[in-house]
């Protein structure tokens, strides 16, 4: 798991790549706490390995709970690189509208060039 923190004018982005586990979310929380208070924050998570999350002894419910906790804090979550089966699962669970999904990390970076949207719209 690799976590990077990138700062832009008024925005801090925490990017997590690789197989996600419990400690990943602890590290993400720490990165968010260290970010300047006066900036907006976003978390980008690689979705390639979501179907293998049980290998880390983390259940899908815990994973979704962590995402919902971020959303409750007003921190938009962007999932990138999720496989089609993962996208279908999120849609079946009606979670596809809560978290923005993009095909690749590069597409997530393209979101930075768009005008900031309201929190509700940015979380889609």
N, C-alpha and C. Protein backbone atom coordinates (compact mmCIF):
# COMPACT_ATOMS: atom_id res chain seq x y z
N UNK A 1 0.83 -1.16 0.00
CA UNK A 1 0.00 0.00 0.00
C UNK A 1 0.88 1.24 0.00
N UNK A 2 0.59 2.12 -0.91
CA UNK A 2 1.34 3.38 -1.00
C UNK A 2 0.37 4.54 -0.83
N UNK A 3 0.68 5.42 0.10
CA UNK A 3 -0.15 6.59 0.34
C UNK A 3 0.68 7.83 0.06
N UNK A 4 0.14 8.70 -0.78
CA UNK A 4 0.81 9.97 -1.05
C UNK A 4 -0.16 11.10 -0.75
N UNK A 5 0.40 12.22 -0.31
CA UNK A 5 -0.40 13.41 -0.02
C UNK A 5 0.08 14.49 -0.96
N UNK A 6 -0.86 15.07 -1.67
CA UNK A 6 -0.53 16.12 -2.63
C UNK A 6 -1.31 17.37 -2.28
N UNK A 7 -0.63 18.48 -2.32
CA UNK A 7 -1.25 19.76 -1.99
C UNK A 7 -1.38 20.62 -3.22
N UNK A 8 -2.54 21.20 -3.37
CA UNK A 8 -2.84 22.14 -4.44
C UNK A 8 -3.41 23.38 -3.78
N UNK A 9 -3.61 24.43 -4.52
CA UNK A 9 -4.16 25.65 -3.95
C UNK A 9 -5.53 25.36 -3.36
N UNK A 10 -5.61 25.40 -2.04
CA UNK A 10 -6.89 25.19 -1.36
C UNK A 10 -7.37 23.76 -1.29
N UNK A 11 -6.54 22.81 -1.68
CA UNK A 11 -6.98 21.41 -1.72
C UNK A 11 -5.84 20.48 -1.32
N UNK A 12 -6.16 19.50 -0.49
CA UNK A 12 -5.22 18.44 -0.14
C UNK A 12 -5.84 17.13 -0.60
N UNK A 13 -5.08 16.36 -1.38
CA UNK A 13 -5.56 15.08 -1.90
C UNK A 13 -4.70 13.97 -1.30
N UNK A 14 -5.37 12.99 -0.68
CA UNK A 14 -4.69 11.81 -0.15
C UNK A 14 -4.99 10.68 -1.13
N UNK A 15 -3.93 10.12 -1.73
CA UNK A 15 -4.08 9.06 -2.73
C UNK A 15 -3.55 7.76 -2.15
N UNK A 16 -4.39 6.73 -2.12
CA UNK A 16 -3.99 5.41 -1.62
C UNK A 16 -4.04 4.42 -2.77
N UNK A 17 -2.90 3.78 -3.04
CA UNK A 17 -2.81 2.81 -4.12
C UNK A 17 -2.36 1.47 -3.56
N UNK A 18 -2.92 0.40 -4.11
CA UNK A 18 -2.56 -0.95 -3.68
C UNK A 18 -3.70 -1.58 -2.91
N UNK A 19 -3.41 -2.72 -2.28
CA UNK A 19 -4.42 -3.47 -1.53
C UNK A 19 -4.73 -2.75 -0.22
N UNK A 20 -5.99 -2.37 -0.04
CA UNK A 20 -6.42 -1.61 1.13
C UNK A 20 -6.65 -2.52 2.32
N UNK A 21 -6.29 -2.04 3.52
CA UNK A 21 -6.55 -2.78 4.74
C UNK A 21 -6.85 -1.80 5.87
N UNK A 22 -7.05 -2.30 7.08
CA UNK A 22 -7.39 -1.45 8.22
C UNK A 22 -6.35 -0.35 8.45
N UNK A 23 -5.08 -0.70 8.37
CA UNK A 23 -4.04 0.30 8.64
C UNK A 23 -4.02 1.39 7.57
N UNK A 24 -4.48 1.07 6.37
CA UNK A 24 -4.56 2.08 5.32
C UNK A 24 -5.44 3.24 5.77
N UNK A 25 -6.59 2.91 6.36
CA UNK A 25 -7.51 3.97 6.77
C UNK A 25 -6.96 4.75 7.96
N UNK A 26 -6.19 4.10 8.81
CA UNK A 26 -5.53 4.83 9.90
C UNK A 26 -4.53 5.83 9.33
N UNK A 27 -3.77 5.40 8.33
CA UNK A 27 -2.81 6.29 7.69
C UNK A 27 -3.51 7.43 6.96
N UNK A 28 -4.63 7.13 6.33
CA UNK A 28 -5.40 8.16 5.64
C UNK A 28 -5.91 9.18 6.65
N UNK A 29 -6.44 8.70 7.77
CA UNK A 29 -6.91 9.61 8.83
C UNK A 29 -5.79 10.52 9.32
N UNK A 30 -4.60 9.96 9.51
CA UNK A 30 -3.45 10.76 9.96
C UNK A 30 -3.08 11.81 8.93
N UNK A 31 -3.09 11.42 7.66
CA UNK A 31 -2.76 12.38 6.60
C UNK A 31 -3.77 13.51 6.55
N UNK A 32 -5.03 13.19 6.77
CA UNK A 32 -6.08 14.21 6.78
C UNK A 32 -5.88 15.16 7.96
N UNK A 33 -5.54 14.61 9.12
CA UNK A 33 -5.32 15.44 10.31
C UNK A 33 -4.14 16.38 10.13
N UNK A 34 -3.11 15.93 9.40
CA UNK A 34 -1.91 16.76 9.19
C UNK A 34 -2.13 17.83 8.12
N UNK A 35 -3.17 17.68 7.32
CA UNK A 35 -3.44 18.65 6.25
C UNK A 35 -3.88 19.98 6.87
N UNK A 36 -3.53 21.08 6.22
CA UNK A 36 -3.95 22.39 6.73
C UNK A 36 -5.47 22.45 6.89
N UNK A 37 -5.91 23.02 7.99
CA UNK A 37 -7.33 23.09 8.30
C UNK A 37 -8.13 23.91 7.29
N UNK A 38 -7.47 24.87 6.66
CA UNK A 38 -8.19 25.77 5.76
C UNK A 38 -8.28 25.26 4.32
N UNK A 39 -7.93 24.00 4.08
CA UNK A 39 -8.03 23.45 2.73
C UNK A 39 -9.14 22.41 2.65
N UNK A 40 -9.69 22.29 1.45
CA UNK A 40 -10.63 21.19 1.19
C UNK A 40 -9.80 19.91 1.11
N UNK A 41 -10.42 18.80 1.41
CA UNK A 41 -9.72 17.52 1.37
C UNK A 41 -10.48 16.54 0.51
N UNK A 42 -9.74 15.67 -0.16
CA UNK A 42 -10.31 14.58 -0.93
C UNK A 42 -9.46 13.34 -0.69
N UNK A 43 -10.11 12.18 -0.79
CA UNK A 43 -9.39 10.91 -0.69
C UNK A 43 -9.66 10.15 -1.99
N UNK A 44 -8.57 9.73 -2.63
CA UNK A 44 -8.67 8.92 -3.85
C UNK A 44 -8.16 7.53 -3.51
N UNK A 45 -8.99 6.53 -3.77
CA UNK A 45 -8.63 5.14 -3.47
C UNK A 45 -8.60 4.30 -4.73
N UNK A 46 -7.57 3.51 -4.86
CA UNK A 46 -7.49 2.58 -5.98
C UNK A 46 -8.49 1.46 -5.74
N UNK A 47 -9.34 1.22 -6.73
CA UNK A 47 -10.37 0.19 -6.59
C UNK A 47 -10.02 -1.13 -7.24
N UNK A 48 -8.82 -1.26 -7.77
CA UNK A 48 -8.42 -2.47 -8.48
C UNK A 48 -8.49 -3.71 -7.61
N UNK A 49 -8.18 -3.57 -6.32
CA UNK A 49 -8.04 -4.73 -5.46
C UNK A 49 -9.22 -4.92 -4.49
N UNK A 50 -10.30 -4.17 -4.68
CA UNK A 50 -11.40 -4.25 -3.72
C UNK A 50 -11.94 -5.67 -3.60
N UNK A 51 -12.01 -6.42 -4.70
CA UNK A 51 -12.54 -7.78 -4.62
C UNK A 51 -11.61 -8.70 -3.82
N UNK A 52 -10.38 -8.28 -3.54
CA UNK A 52 -9.45 -9.09 -2.75
C UNK A 52 -9.31 -8.58 -1.31
N UNK A 53 -10.21 -7.72 -0.91
CA UNK A 53 -10.08 -7.09 0.40
C UNK A 53 -10.12 -8.10 1.54
N UNK A 54 -10.82 -9.22 1.34
CA UNK A 54 -10.89 -10.23 2.40
C UNK A 54 -9.52 -10.84 2.69
N UNK A 55 -8.57 -10.74 1.78
CA UNK A 55 -7.22 -11.25 2.01
C UNK A 55 -6.51 -10.48 3.12
N UNK A 56 -6.96 -9.27 3.39
CA UNK A 56 -6.34 -8.44 4.43
C UNK A 56 -7.07 -8.57 5.76
N UNK A 57 -8.00 -9.53 5.84
CA UNK A 57 -8.83 -9.75 7.02
C UNK A 57 -9.67 -8.52 7.34
N UNK A 58 -10.02 -7.78 6.29
CA UNK A 58 -10.94 -6.65 6.39
C UNK A 58 -12.17 -7.04 5.59
N UNK A 59 -13.34 -6.92 6.19
CA UNK A 59 -14.54 -7.30 5.44
C UNK A 59 -15.03 -6.09 4.63
N UNK A 60 -15.85 -6.38 3.66
CA UNK A 60 -16.37 -5.33 2.79
C UNK A 60 -17.19 -4.31 3.60
N UNK A 61 -17.92 -4.79 4.60
CA UNK A 61 -18.72 -3.87 5.44
C UNK A 61 -17.82 -2.85 6.14
N UNK A 62 -16.68 -3.29 6.64
CA UNK A 62 -15.74 -2.38 7.29
C UNK A 62 -15.20 -1.36 6.30
N UNK A 63 -14.87 -1.82 5.11
CA UNK A 63 -14.38 -0.95 4.05
C UNK A 63 -15.42 0.12 3.72
N UNK A 64 -16.66 -0.28 3.51
CA UNK A 64 -17.73 0.66 3.18
C UNK A 64 -17.96 1.61 4.35
N UNK A 65 -17.91 1.09 5.57
CA UNK A 65 -18.07 1.94 6.76
C UNK A 65 -17.02 3.04 6.80
N UNK A 66 -15.78 2.69 6.49
CA UNK A 66 -14.70 3.69 6.47
C UNK A 66 -14.96 4.76 5.41
N UNK A 67 -15.45 4.33 4.25
CA UNK A 67 -15.77 5.30 3.20
C UNK A 67 -16.90 6.23 3.64
N UNK A 68 -17.91 5.66 4.28
CA UNK A 68 -19.04 6.48 4.74
C UNK A 68 -18.61 7.45 5.85
N UNK A 69 -17.66 7.03 6.68
CA UNK A 69 -17.15 7.93 7.73
C UNK A 69 -16.44 9.13 7.10
N UNK A 70 -15.67 8.88 6.05
CA UNK A 70 -15.01 9.99 5.34
C UNK A 70 -16.06 10.93 4.76
N UNK A 71 -17.07 10.36 4.16
CA UNK A 71 -18.14 11.17 3.55
C UNK A 71 -18.84 12.00 4.61
N UNK A 72 -19.08 11.41 5.78
CA UNK A 72 -19.74 12.11 6.89
C UNK A 72 -18.91 13.32 7.34
N UNK A 73 -17.58 13.21 7.22
CA UNK A 73 -16.69 14.32 7.57
C UNK A 73 -16.65 15.39 6.48
N UNK A 74 -17.39 15.14 5.39
CA UNK A 74 -17.40 16.10 4.29
C UNK A 74 -16.22 15.94 3.35
N UNK A 75 -15.58 14.78 3.38
CA UNK A 75 -14.41 14.50 2.54
C UNK A 75 -14.85 13.62 1.37
N UNK A 76 -14.88 14.17 0.16
CA UNK A 76 -15.26 13.36 -1.00
C UNK A 76 -14.26 12.23 -1.23
N UNK A 77 -14.80 11.08 -1.63
CA UNK A 77 -13.98 9.91 -1.95
C UNK A 77 -14.12 9.64 -3.44
N UNK A 78 -12.98 9.45 -4.10
CA UNK A 78 -12.96 9.10 -5.51
C UNK A 78 -12.34 7.71 -5.61
N UNK A 79 -13.07 6.77 -6.21
CA UNK A 79 -12.53 5.43 -6.46
C UNK A 79 -12.05 5.38 -7.90
N UNK A 80 -10.80 4.98 -8.10
CA UNK A 80 -10.28 4.89 -9.46
C UNK A 80 -9.80 3.47 -9.74
N UNK A 81 -9.94 3.07 -10.98
CA UNK A 81 -9.43 1.77 -11.41
C UNK A 81 -10.26 0.58 -10.96
N UNK A 82 -11.49 0.79 -10.52
CA UNK A 82 -12.31 -0.34 -10.07
C UNK A 82 -12.69 -1.21 -11.27
N UNK A 83 -12.64 -2.50 -11.06
CA UNK A 83 -13.03 -3.43 -12.12
C UNK A 83 -14.54 -3.39 -12.32
N UNK A 84 -14.98 -3.91 -13.45
CA UNK A 84 -16.40 -3.90 -13.77
C UNK A 84 -17.22 -4.64 -12.72
N UNK A 85 -16.69 -5.75 -12.21
CA UNK A 85 -17.43 -6.51 -11.19
C UNK A 85 -17.58 -5.69 -9.91
N UNK A 86 -16.58 -4.92 -9.56
CA UNK A 86 -16.65 -4.06 -8.38
C UNK A 86 -17.66 -2.94 -8.61
N UNK A 87 -17.67 -2.38 -9.80
CA UNK A 87 -18.63 -1.32 -10.12
C UNK A 87 -20.06 -1.85 -10.04
N UNK A 88 -20.28 -3.08 -10.53
CA UNK A 88 -21.62 -3.69 -10.46
C UNK A 88 -22.02 -3.92 -9.00
N UNK A 89 -21.07 -4.38 -8.18
CA UNK A 89 -21.36 -4.62 -6.78
C UNK A 89 -21.76 -3.32 -6.08
N UNK A 90 -21.02 -2.24 -6.32
CA UNK A 90 -21.34 -0.95 -5.72
C UNK A 90 -22.72 -0.46 -6.18
N UNK A 91 -23.04 -0.72 -7.43
CA UNK A 91 -24.34 -0.33 -7.95
C UNK A 91 -25.45 -1.15 -7.29
N UNK A 92 -25.25 -2.45 -7.14
CA UNK A 92 -26.24 -3.31 -6.48
C UNK A 92 -26.49 -2.87 -5.04
N UNK A 93 -25.44 -2.43 -4.37
CA UNK A 93 -25.54 -1.97 -2.98
C UNK A 93 -26.00 -0.51 -2.90
N UNK A 94 -26.26 0.09 -4.06
CA UNK A 94 -26.68 1.48 -4.20
C UNK A 94 -25.66 2.45 -3.59
N UNK A 95 -24.39 2.12 -3.74
CA UNK A 95 -23.31 2.97 -3.26
C UNK A 95 -22.64 3.74 -4.39
N UNK A 96 -23.03 3.43 -5.62
CA UNK A 96 -22.38 4.05 -6.77
C UNK A 96 -22.61 5.56 -6.84
N UNK A 97 -23.68 6.05 -6.24
CA UNK A 97 -23.95 7.49 -6.27
C UNK A 97 -23.31 8.23 -5.10
N UNK A 98 -22.82 7.49 -4.12
CA UNK A 98 -22.20 8.12 -2.95
C UNK A 98 -20.73 8.46 -3.17
N UNK A 99 -20.08 7.69 -4.05
CA UNK A 99 -18.65 7.87 -4.26
C UNK A 99 -18.39 8.00 -5.75
N UNK A 100 -17.67 9.03 -6.12
CA UNK A 100 -17.33 9.24 -7.53
C UNK A 100 -16.39 8.13 -7.98
N UNK A 101 -16.63 7.63 -9.17
CA UNK A 101 -15.78 6.59 -9.74
C UNK A 101 -15.24 7.06 -11.07
N UNK A 102 -13.95 6.86 -11.26
CA UNK A 102 -13.31 7.20 -12.54
C UNK A 102 -12.46 6.00 -12.97
N UNK A 103 -12.26 5.85 -14.28
CA UNK A 103 -11.55 4.67 -14.77
C UNK A 103 -10.09 4.56 -14.31
N UNK A 104 -9.37 5.69 -14.27
CA UNK A 104 -7.94 5.63 -13.97
C UNK A 104 -7.53 6.76 -13.03
N UNK A 105 -6.33 6.65 -12.50
CA UNK A 105 -5.78 7.73 -11.68
C UNK A 105 -5.64 9.01 -12.48
N UNK A 106 -5.28 8.88 -13.73
CA UNK A 106 -5.14 10.05 -14.60
C UNK A 106 -6.48 10.78 -14.72
N UNK A 107 -7.58 10.02 -14.80
CA UNK A 107 -8.90 10.65 -14.86
C UNK A 107 -9.23 11.39 -13.56
N UNK A 108 -8.76 10.86 -12.45
CA UNK A 108 -8.95 11.54 -11.17
C UNK A 108 -8.22 12.88 -11.19
N UNK A 109 -7.01 12.90 -11.74
CA UNK A 109 -6.27 14.17 -11.83
C UNK A 109 -6.98 15.17 -12.73
N UNK A 110 -7.67 14.68 -13.75
CA UNK A 110 -8.41 15.59 -14.63
C UNK A 110 -9.54 16.28 -13.88
N UNK A 111 -10.04 15.64 -12.81
CA UNK A 111 -11.09 16.27 -12.00
C UNK A 111 -10.59 17.56 -11.36
N UNK A 112 -9.29 17.65 -11.13
CA UNK A 112 -8.73 18.85 -10.50
C UNK A 112 -8.90 20.08 -11.37
N UNK A 113 -8.96 19.86 -12.67
CA UNK A 113 -9.09 20.98 -13.60
C UNK A 113 -10.52 21.49 -13.72
N UNK A 114 -11.48 20.70 -13.22
CA UNK A 114 -12.87 21.12 -13.28
C UNK A 114 -13.17 22.08 -12.15
N UNK A 115 -14.17 22.89 -12.34
CA UNK A 115 -14.59 23.83 -11.30
C UNK A 115 -15.06 23.04 -10.08
N UNK A 116 -14.78 23.53 -8.86
CA UNK A 116 -15.28 22.85 -7.67
C UNK A 116 -16.80 22.83 -7.68
N UNK A 117 -17.34 21.65 -7.34
CA UNK A 117 -18.78 21.48 -7.29
C UNK A 117 -19.21 21.49 -5.84
N UNK A 118 -20.48 21.51 -5.62
CA UNK A 118 -20.97 21.42 -4.24
C UNK A 118 -20.57 20.06 -3.69
N UNK A 119 -20.52 19.95 -2.36
CA UNK A 119 -20.08 18.70 -1.73
C UNK A 119 -20.93 17.54 -2.19
N UNK A 120 -22.24 17.73 -2.26
CA UNK A 120 -23.14 16.64 -2.64
C UNK A 120 -22.84 16.18 -4.06
N UNK A 121 -22.62 17.11 -4.98
CA UNK A 121 -22.35 16.74 -6.36
C UNK A 121 -20.97 16.13 -6.50
N UNK A 122 -20.02 16.59 -5.73
CA UNK A 122 -18.65 16.10 -5.84
C UNK A 122 -18.51 14.68 -5.33
N UNK A 123 -19.45 14.21 -4.53
CA UNK A 123 -19.35 12.89 -3.94
C UNK A 123 -19.93 11.82 -4.84
N UNK A 124 -20.64 12.17 -5.89
CA UNK A 124 -21.32 11.18 -6.73
C UNK A 124 -20.50 10.01 -7.04
